[in-house]
């Protein structure tokens, strides 16, 4: 399934929040840091009871979040016609984790907005896409490890 070719993508109309590790991985690949910006958070993009600890952890002291730049149409600037221009291991952790819904404690399920959620065997679809639950759990650990140090320095 290639969401970008199907005309839909989680890379459209959403802020993609970055960790310091994401910035390092992407800048190592691209050779520059002109791919992100600081913006006020778009609270409509966040499910209210998804993870109440998330926003306090990613907010910078100025009340801004570090996000991938977007086009005027609100698409991720790294989204191409055939999908993301980044290799999978360089993509932001929240991109690798989508469509999993999660908290620091673990996986809650699959986001209902994703077409995969309508598949009877969504778990096997994600396995075929090399996004098994085991990998997702590792990415969750890494994600929270990368956002916690910053949060702890400003609280």
N, C-alpha and C. Protein backbone atom coordinates (compact mmCIF):
# COMPACT_ATOMS: atom_id res chain seq x y z
N UNK A 1 0.85 -1.18 0.00
CA UNK A 1 0.00 0.00 0.00
C UNK A 1 0.89 1.24 0.00
N UNK A 2 0.74 2.08 -0.98
CA UNK A 2 1.48 3.33 -1.01
C UNK A 2 0.48 4.46 -0.89
N UNK A 3 0.38 5.01 0.30
CA UNK A 3 -0.62 6.03 0.59
C UNK A 3 -0.44 7.27 -0.27
N UNK A 4 0.79 7.68 -0.51
CA UNK A 4 1.03 8.88 -1.30
C UNK A 4 0.51 8.70 -2.73
N UNK A 5 0.72 7.52 -3.31
CA UNK A 5 0.23 7.27 -4.67
C UNK A 5 -1.28 7.16 -4.71
N UNK A 6 -1.89 6.74 -3.59
CA UNK A 6 -3.34 6.63 -3.52
C UNK A 6 -4.00 7.99 -3.30
N UNK A 7 -3.18 9.02 -3.09
CA UNK A 7 -3.71 10.37 -2.92
C UNK A 7 -4.01 10.73 -1.48
N UNK A 8 -3.65 9.87 -0.58
CA UNK A 8 -3.85 10.15 0.84
C UNK A 8 -2.55 9.86 1.58
N UNK A 9 -2.35 10.53 2.67
CA UNK A 9 -1.12 10.31 3.42
C UNK A 9 -1.21 10.97 4.78
N UNK A 10 -0.60 10.36 5.78
CA UNK A 10 -0.53 10.99 7.10
C UNK A 10 0.49 12.13 7.07
N UNK A 11 1.16 12.31 5.96
CA UNK A 11 2.14 13.39 5.78
C UNK A 11 1.47 14.68 5.32
N UNK A 12 0.17 14.66 5.21
CA UNK A 12 -0.58 15.83 4.74
C UNK A 12 -1.44 16.39 5.88
N UNK A 13 -1.38 17.70 6.03
CA UNK A 13 -2.22 18.42 6.99
C UNK A 13 -1.88 18.20 8.45
N UNK A 14 -0.73 17.66 8.77
CA UNK A 14 -0.34 17.45 10.16
C UNK A 14 1.04 18.04 10.43
N UNK A 15 1.22 18.53 11.65
CA UNK A 15 2.56 18.91 12.09
C UNK A 15 3.29 17.62 12.44
N UNK A 16 4.51 17.48 11.97
CA UNK A 16 5.31 16.31 12.28
C UNK A 16 6.38 16.76 13.26
N UNK A 17 6.14 16.45 14.52
CA UNK A 17 7.01 16.90 15.61
C UNK A 17 8.29 16.08 15.62
N UNK A 18 9.41 16.79 15.78
CA UNK A 18 10.73 16.17 15.75
C UNK A 18 11.38 16.12 17.12
N UNK A 19 12.14 15.07 17.35
CA UNK A 19 13.00 14.99 18.52
C UNK A 19 14.40 15.48 18.11
N UNK A 20 15.27 15.68 19.08
CA UNK A 20 16.64 16.07 18.73
C UNK A 20 17.32 14.94 17.96
N UNK A 21 16.99 13.70 18.28
CA UNK A 21 17.54 12.57 17.54
C UNK A 21 17.06 12.56 16.09
N UNK A 22 15.78 12.88 15.87
CA UNK A 22 15.25 12.98 14.50
C UNK A 22 16.04 14.02 13.71
N UNK A 23 16.25 15.19 14.32
CA UNK A 23 16.97 16.27 13.63
C UNK A 23 18.37 15.81 13.25
N UNK A 24 19.04 15.12 14.15
CA UNK A 24 20.40 14.64 13.87
C UNK A 24 20.40 13.61 12.75
N UNK A 25 19.49 12.63 12.81
CA UNK A 25 19.44 11.58 11.78
C UNK A 25 19.13 12.17 10.40
N UNK A 26 18.17 13.09 10.35
CA UNK A 26 17.79 13.68 9.07
C UNK A 26 18.90 14.60 8.54
N UNK A 27 19.48 15.41 9.41
CA UNK A 27 20.54 16.33 8.94
C UNK A 27 21.78 15.55 8.51
N UNK A 28 22.09 14.43 9.16
CA UNK A 28 23.20 13.59 8.72
C UNK A 28 22.96 13.09 7.30
N UNK A 29 21.70 12.75 6.99
CA UNK A 29 21.37 12.25 5.66
C UNK A 29 21.34 13.36 4.62
N UNK A 30 20.67 14.47 4.95
CA UNK A 30 20.49 15.56 3.99
C UNK A 30 21.72 16.46 3.86
N UNK A 31 22.53 16.52 4.91
CA UNK A 31 23.71 17.39 4.89
C UNK A 31 23.41 18.84 5.25
N UNK A 32 22.21 19.10 5.76
CA UNK A 32 21.84 20.45 6.20
C UNK A 32 20.71 20.35 7.22
N UNK A 33 20.36 21.49 7.81
CA UNK A 33 19.26 21.52 8.78
C UNK A 33 18.12 22.43 8.35
N UNK A 34 18.00 22.67 7.07
CA UNK A 34 16.96 23.55 6.56
C UNK A 34 15.65 22.80 6.29
N UNK A 35 15.33 21.82 7.10
CA UNK A 35 14.13 21.02 6.90
C UNK A 35 13.13 21.15 8.04
N UNK A 36 13.48 21.89 9.08
CA UNK A 36 12.54 22.01 10.20
C UNK A 36 12.39 23.46 10.62
N UNK A 37 11.37 23.68 11.42
CA UNK A 37 11.07 25.01 11.92
C UNK A 37 10.42 24.89 13.30
N UNK A 38 10.32 26.00 13.99
CA UNK A 38 9.58 26.05 15.26
C UNK A 38 8.26 26.75 15.00
N UNK A 39 7.18 26.15 15.48
CA UNK A 39 5.83 26.69 15.27
C UNK A 39 5.01 26.51 16.54
N UNK A 40 3.97 27.29 16.70
CA UNK A 40 3.02 26.99 17.78
C UNK A 40 2.36 25.65 17.47
N UNK A 41 2.07 24.85 18.48
CA UNK A 41 1.44 23.55 18.21
C UNK A 41 0.01 23.72 17.68
N UNK A 42 -0.37 22.81 16.80
CA UNK A 42 -1.74 22.76 16.30
C UNK A 42 -2.45 21.70 17.14
N UNK A 43 -3.20 22.16 18.13
CA UNK A 43 -3.81 21.24 19.07
C UNK A 43 -4.88 20.36 18.45
N UNK A 44 -5.47 20.79 17.32
CA UNK A 44 -6.47 19.97 16.64
C UNK A 44 -5.84 18.68 16.09
N UNK A 45 -4.53 18.67 15.89
CA UNK A 45 -3.84 17.49 15.37
C UNK A 45 -3.61 16.43 16.45
N UNK A 46 -3.90 16.77 17.69
CA UNK A 46 -3.58 15.88 18.80
C UNK A 46 -4.86 15.35 19.41
N UNK A 47 -4.98 14.04 19.48
CA UNK A 47 -6.14 13.42 20.12
C UNK A 47 -6.03 13.71 21.62
N UNK A 48 -7.08 14.29 22.23
CA UNK A 48 -6.97 14.77 23.61
C UNK A 48 -6.55 13.73 24.64
N UNK A 49 -7.08 12.52 24.57
CA UNK A 49 -6.71 11.54 25.59
C UNK A 49 -5.68 10.54 25.08
N UNK A 50 -5.03 10.87 24.00
CA UNK A 50 -4.02 10.01 23.40
C UNK A 50 -2.86 9.79 24.37
N UNK A 51 -2.15 10.83 24.72
CA UNK A 51 -1.11 10.77 25.74
C UNK A 51 -0.98 12.16 26.34
N UNK A 52 -1.58 12.38 27.51
CA UNK A 52 -1.56 13.72 28.11
C UNK A 52 -0.15 14.21 28.44
N UNK A 53 0.82 13.33 28.50
CA UNK A 53 2.20 13.74 28.80
C UNK A 53 2.95 14.19 27.56
N UNK A 54 2.41 13.88 26.38
CA UNK A 54 3.12 14.15 25.12
C UNK A 54 3.41 15.63 24.94
N UNK A 55 2.38 16.47 24.96
CA UNK A 55 2.57 17.89 24.66
C UNK A 55 3.53 18.56 25.64
N UNK A 56 3.39 18.35 26.94
CA UNK A 56 4.37 18.98 27.84
C UNK A 56 5.82 18.55 27.55
N UNK A 57 5.99 17.33 27.03
CA UNK A 57 7.34 16.85 26.75
C UNK A 57 7.93 17.45 25.49
N UNK A 58 7.10 17.79 24.50
CA UNK A 58 7.63 18.28 23.23
C UNK A 58 7.62 19.80 23.11
N UNK A 59 6.90 20.47 24.00
CA UNK A 59 6.88 21.94 23.95
C UNK A 59 8.22 22.51 24.38
N UNK A 60 8.71 23.44 23.60
CA UNK A 60 9.92 24.18 23.98
C UNK A 60 9.49 25.26 24.97
N UNK A 61 10.45 25.87 25.65
CA UNK A 61 10.13 26.86 26.67
C UNK A 61 9.35 28.05 26.11
N UNK A 62 9.47 28.33 24.82
CA UNK A 62 8.74 29.44 24.20
C UNK A 62 7.32 29.05 23.81
N UNK A 63 6.89 27.83 24.13
CA UNK A 63 5.56 27.37 23.75
C UNK A 63 5.46 26.91 22.31
N UNK A 64 6.61 26.60 21.69
CA UNK A 64 6.66 26.17 20.30
C UNK A 64 7.06 24.70 20.22
N UNK A 65 6.78 24.08 19.09
CA UNK A 65 7.23 22.71 18.83
C UNK A 65 8.14 22.72 17.61
N UNK A 66 9.08 21.82 17.58
CA UNK A 66 10.00 21.66 16.46
C UNK A 66 9.35 20.68 15.47
N UNK A 67 9.10 21.15 14.25
CA UNK A 67 8.38 20.34 13.27
C UNK A 67 9.06 20.37 11.91
N UNK A 68 8.78 19.35 11.10
CA UNK A 68 9.23 19.37 9.72
C UNK A 68 8.54 20.51 9.00
N UNK A 69 9.25 21.17 8.10
CA UNK A 69 8.63 22.22 7.29
C UNK A 69 7.54 21.61 6.43
N UNK A 70 6.56 22.47 6.09
CA UNK A 70 5.45 22.03 5.26
C UNK A 70 5.30 22.96 4.07
N UNK A 71 4.66 22.46 3.04
CA UNK A 71 4.37 23.25 1.85
C UNK A 71 3.19 24.16 2.16
N UNK A 72 2.90 25.12 1.27
CA UNK A 72 1.71 25.97 1.48
C UNK A 72 0.41 25.16 1.58
N UNK A 73 0.39 23.96 0.97
CA UNK A 73 -0.79 23.09 1.06
C UNK A 73 -0.82 22.27 2.34
N UNK A 74 0.14 22.52 3.23
CA UNK A 74 0.26 21.84 4.54
C UNK A 74 0.73 20.39 4.44
N UNK A 75 1.43 20.05 3.35
CA UNK A 75 2.04 18.73 3.21
C UNK A 75 3.46 18.78 3.74
N UNK A 76 3.94 17.68 4.23
CA UNK A 76 5.34 17.61 4.66
C UNK A 76 6.22 17.96 3.46
N UNK A 77 7.21 18.80 3.69
CA UNK A 77 8.10 19.23 2.61
C UNK A 77 8.94 18.07 2.07
N UNK A 78 9.04 16.97 2.81
CA UNK A 78 9.82 15.82 2.36
C UNK A 78 8.96 14.77 1.64
N UNK A 79 7.66 15.05 1.50
CA UNK A 79 6.75 14.13 0.81
C UNK A 79 6.86 14.33 -0.69
N UNK A 80 7.15 13.26 -1.40
CA UNK A 80 7.22 13.28 -2.86
C UNK A 80 6.01 12.52 -3.41
N UNK A 81 5.86 12.52 -4.70
CA UNK A 81 4.74 11.83 -5.34
C UNK A 81 4.69 10.35 -4.98
N UNK A 82 5.85 9.75 -4.80
CA UNK A 82 5.91 8.31 -4.50
C UNK A 82 6.08 8.02 -3.01
N UNK A 83 6.02 9.01 -2.17
CA UNK A 83 6.16 8.81 -0.73
C UNK A 83 7.26 9.68 -0.14
N UNK A 84 7.72 9.31 1.02
CA UNK A 84 8.72 10.09 1.73
C UNK A 84 10.07 10.01 1.04
N UNK A 85 10.76 11.14 0.97
CA UNK A 85 12.07 11.18 0.33
C UNK A 85 13.19 10.67 1.24
N UNK A 86 12.87 10.43 2.50
CA UNK A 86 13.87 9.93 3.45
C UNK A 86 13.86 8.41 3.49
N UNK A 87 15.04 7.78 3.65
CA UNK A 87 15.05 6.35 3.91
C UNK A 87 14.33 6.08 5.23
N UNK A 88 13.76 4.93 5.36
CA UNK A 88 12.94 4.61 6.53
C UNK A 88 13.67 4.86 7.85
N UNK A 89 14.95 4.49 7.93
CA UNK A 89 15.69 4.63 9.19
C UNK A 89 16.08 6.07 9.50
N UNK A 90 15.78 7.02 8.61
CA UNK A 90 16.07 8.43 8.85
C UNK A 90 14.80 9.23 9.09
N UNK A 91 13.66 8.61 8.93
CA UNK A 91 12.39 9.31 9.11
C UNK A 91 12.16 9.63 10.59
N UNK A 92 11.40 10.69 10.87
CA UNK A 92 11.08 10.98 12.28
C UNK A 92 10.41 9.77 12.94
N UNK A 93 10.66 9.62 14.22
CA UNK A 93 10.10 8.47 14.92
C UNK A 93 8.58 8.44 14.88
N UNK A 94 7.93 9.61 14.97
CA UNK A 94 6.47 9.57 14.92
C UNK A 94 5.96 9.15 13.55
N UNK A 95 6.74 9.38 12.50
CA UNK A 95 6.37 8.90 11.17
C UNK A 95 6.51 7.38 11.11
N UNK A 96 7.58 6.87 11.68
CA UNK A 96 7.78 5.42 11.66
C UNK A 96 6.70 4.71 12.48
N UNK A 97 6.23 5.38 13.52
CA UNK A 97 5.23 4.77 14.40
C UNK A 97 3.81 4.81 13.84
N UNK A 98 3.53 5.76 12.97
CA UNK A 98 2.17 5.85 12.46
C UNK A 98 1.85 4.66 11.56
N UNK A 99 0.72 4.00 11.73
CA UNK A 99 -0.54 4.39 12.34
C UNK A 99 -0.75 3.90 13.77
N UNK A 100 0.30 3.40 14.41
CA UNK A 100 0.12 2.97 15.80
C UNK A 100 -0.25 4.16 16.67
N UNK A 101 -1.18 3.94 17.59
CA UNK A 101 -1.48 4.92 18.63
C UNK A 101 -0.80 4.38 19.89
N UNK A 102 -0.17 5.27 20.64
CA UNK A 102 0.67 4.80 21.75
C UNK A 102 0.79 5.86 22.83
N UNK A 103 1.25 5.41 23.96
CA UNK A 103 1.71 6.27 25.04
C UNK A 103 3.08 5.75 25.42
N UNK A 104 3.68 6.35 26.40
CA UNK A 104 4.98 5.87 26.86
C UNK A 104 4.88 4.43 27.37
N UNK A 105 3.70 4.05 27.80
CA UNK A 105 3.48 2.70 28.35
C UNK A 105 3.35 1.62 27.28
N UNK A 106 3.03 2.01 26.04
CA UNK A 106 2.91 1.01 25.00
C UNK A 106 1.89 1.36 23.93
N UNK A 107 1.57 0.37 23.12
CA UNK A 107 0.68 0.55 21.97
C UNK A 107 -0.77 0.44 22.41
N UNK A 108 -1.58 1.41 21.96
CA UNK A 108 -3.01 1.44 22.29
C UNK A 108 -3.86 0.83 21.19
N UNK A 109 -3.35 0.84 19.96
CA UNK A 109 -4.11 0.34 18.82
C UNK A 109 -3.65 1.02 17.55
N UNK A 110 -4.56 1.10 16.59
CA UNK A 110 -4.28 1.70 15.29
C UNK A 110 -5.19 2.91 15.11
N UNK A 111 -4.64 3.99 14.58
CA UNK A 111 -5.41 5.20 14.33
C UNK A 111 -6.51 4.90 13.32
N UNK A 112 -7.73 5.21 13.67
CA UNK A 112 -8.89 4.93 12.81
C UNK A 112 -8.86 5.75 11.51
N UNK A 113 -8.08 6.83 11.48
CA UNK A 113 -7.99 7.64 10.26
C UNK A 113 -7.14 6.96 9.18
N UNK A 114 -6.34 5.98 9.56
CA UNK A 114 -5.48 5.29 8.60
C UNK A 114 -6.27 4.20 7.88
N UNK A 115 -6.14 4.11 6.55
CA UNK A 115 -6.85 3.06 5.80
C UNK A 115 -6.52 1.64 6.29
N UNK A 116 -5.36 1.43 6.85
CA UNK A 116 -4.98 0.10 7.34
C UNK A 116 -5.91 -0.35 8.46
N UNK A 117 -6.46 0.60 9.23
CA UNK A 117 -7.33 0.25 10.35
C UNK A 117 -8.59 -0.48 9.88
N UNK A 118 -8.95 -0.32 8.62
CA UNK A 118 -10.14 -0.98 8.09
C UNK A 118 -9.86 -2.41 7.62
N UNK A 119 -8.58 -2.78 7.62
CA UNK A 119 -8.20 -4.14 7.22
C UNK A 119 -8.48 -5.09 8.39
N UNK A 120 -9.06 -6.23 8.07
CA UNK A 120 -9.37 -7.22 9.11
C UNK A 120 -8.09 -7.69 9.79
N UNK A 121 -7.05 -7.88 9.01
CA UNK A 121 -5.76 -8.35 9.53
C UNK A 121 -4.73 -7.23 9.48
N UNK A 122 -5.02 -6.08 10.10
CA UNK A 122 -4.11 -4.93 10.03
C UNK A 122 -2.73 -5.27 10.57
N UNK A 123 -2.66 -6.17 11.53
CA UNK A 123 -1.35 -6.54 12.10
C UNK A 123 -0.47 -7.18 11.03
N UNK A 124 -1.03 -8.06 10.21
CA UNK A 124 -0.22 -8.70 9.16
C UNK A 124 0.13 -7.71 8.06
N UNK A 125 -0.75 -6.72 7.79
CA UNK A 125 -0.44 -5.69 6.81
C UNK A 125 0.77 -4.89 7.29
N UNK A 126 0.78 -4.52 8.58
CA UNK A 126 1.91 -3.77 9.12
C UNK A 126 3.17 -4.62 9.14
N UNK A 127 3.04 -5.92 9.38
CA UNK A 127 4.21 -6.81 9.32
C UNK A 127 4.80 -6.80 7.91
N UNK A 128 3.94 -6.86 6.89
CA UNK A 128 4.41 -6.85 5.50
C UNK A 128 5.09 -5.53 5.14
N UNK A 129 4.66 -4.43 5.79
CA UNK A 129 5.26 -3.13 5.56
C UNK A 129 6.51 -2.93 6.42
N UNK A 130 6.96 -3.98 7.09
CA UNK A 130 8.11 -3.96 7.98
C UNK A 130 7.90 -2.99 9.15
N UNK A 131 6.66 -3.00 9.66
CA UNK A 131 6.30 -2.18 10.81
C UNK A 131 5.66 -3.05 11.90
N UNK A 132 6.30 -4.19 12.25
CA UNK A 132 5.68 -5.07 13.24
C UNK A 132 5.62 -4.41 14.63
N UNK A 133 4.75 -4.91 15.45
CA UNK A 133 4.56 -4.35 16.79
C UNK A 133 5.87 -4.35 17.57
N UNK A 134 6.70 -5.35 17.40
CA UNK A 134 7.99 -5.41 18.12
C UNK A 134 8.86 -4.20 17.81
N UNK A 135 8.95 -3.84 16.52
CA UNK A 135 9.72 -2.65 16.13
C UNK A 135 9.08 -1.39 16.69
N UNK A 136 7.75 -1.32 16.61
CA UNK A 136 7.04 -0.14 17.11
C UNK A 136 7.32 0.07 18.60
N UNK A 137 7.38 -1.00 19.36
CA UNK A 137 7.68 -0.87 20.79
C UNK A 137 9.09 -0.31 21.00
N UNK A 138 10.03 -0.73 20.17
CA UNK A 138 11.40 -0.19 20.26
C UNK A 138 11.41 1.30 19.90
N UNK A 139 10.66 1.67 18.86
CA UNK A 139 10.61 3.08 18.45
C UNK A 139 9.97 3.95 19.54
N UNK A 140 8.94 3.40 20.22
CA UNK A 140 8.31 4.14 21.32
C UNK A 140 9.34 4.42 22.41
N UNK A 141 10.11 3.41 22.78
CA UNK A 141 11.15 3.59 23.81
C UNK A 141 12.14 4.66 23.38
N UNK A 142 12.58 4.61 22.13
CA UNK A 142 13.53 5.60 21.62
C UNK A 142 12.90 6.99 21.58
N UNK A 143 11.67 7.09 21.12
CA UNK A 143 10.97 8.37 21.04
C UNK A 143 10.93 9.05 22.41
N UNK A 144 10.46 8.34 23.41
CA UNK A 144 10.35 8.94 24.74
C UNK A 144 11.71 9.19 25.36
N UNK A 145 12.69 8.37 25.04
CA UNK A 145 14.05 8.62 25.53
C UNK A 145 14.61 9.91 24.93
N UNK A 146 14.22 10.21 23.68
CA UNK A 146 14.73 11.41 23.01
C UNK A 146 13.97 12.68 23.41
N UNK A 147 12.73 12.57 23.87
CA UNK A 147 12.01 13.78 24.27
C UNK A 147 12.11 14.05 25.76
N UNK A 148 12.35 13.04 26.56
CA UNK A 148 12.41 13.25 28.01
C UNK A 148 13.56 14.14 28.46
N UNK A 149 14.78 13.96 27.96
CA UNK A 149 15.87 14.81 28.47
C UNK A 149 15.59 16.29 28.31
N UNK A 150 15.00 16.70 27.18
CA UNK A 150 14.71 18.12 26.98
C UNK A 150 13.65 18.56 27.97
N UNK A 151 12.61 17.76 28.13
CA UNK A 151 11.52 18.10 29.04
C UNK A 151 12.03 18.26 30.46
N UNK A 152 12.91 17.36 30.86
CA UNK A 152 13.43 17.41 32.24
C UNK A 152 14.30 18.62 32.49
N UNK A 153 14.90 19.20 31.44
CA UNK A 153 15.74 20.38 31.64
C UNK A 153 14.94 21.66 31.76
N UNK A 154 13.66 21.65 31.29
CA UNK A 154 12.87 22.89 31.37
C UNK A 154 11.81 22.85 32.46
N UNK A 155 11.66 21.72 33.15
CA UNK A 155 10.66 21.64 34.22
C UNK A 155 11.29 21.81 35.58
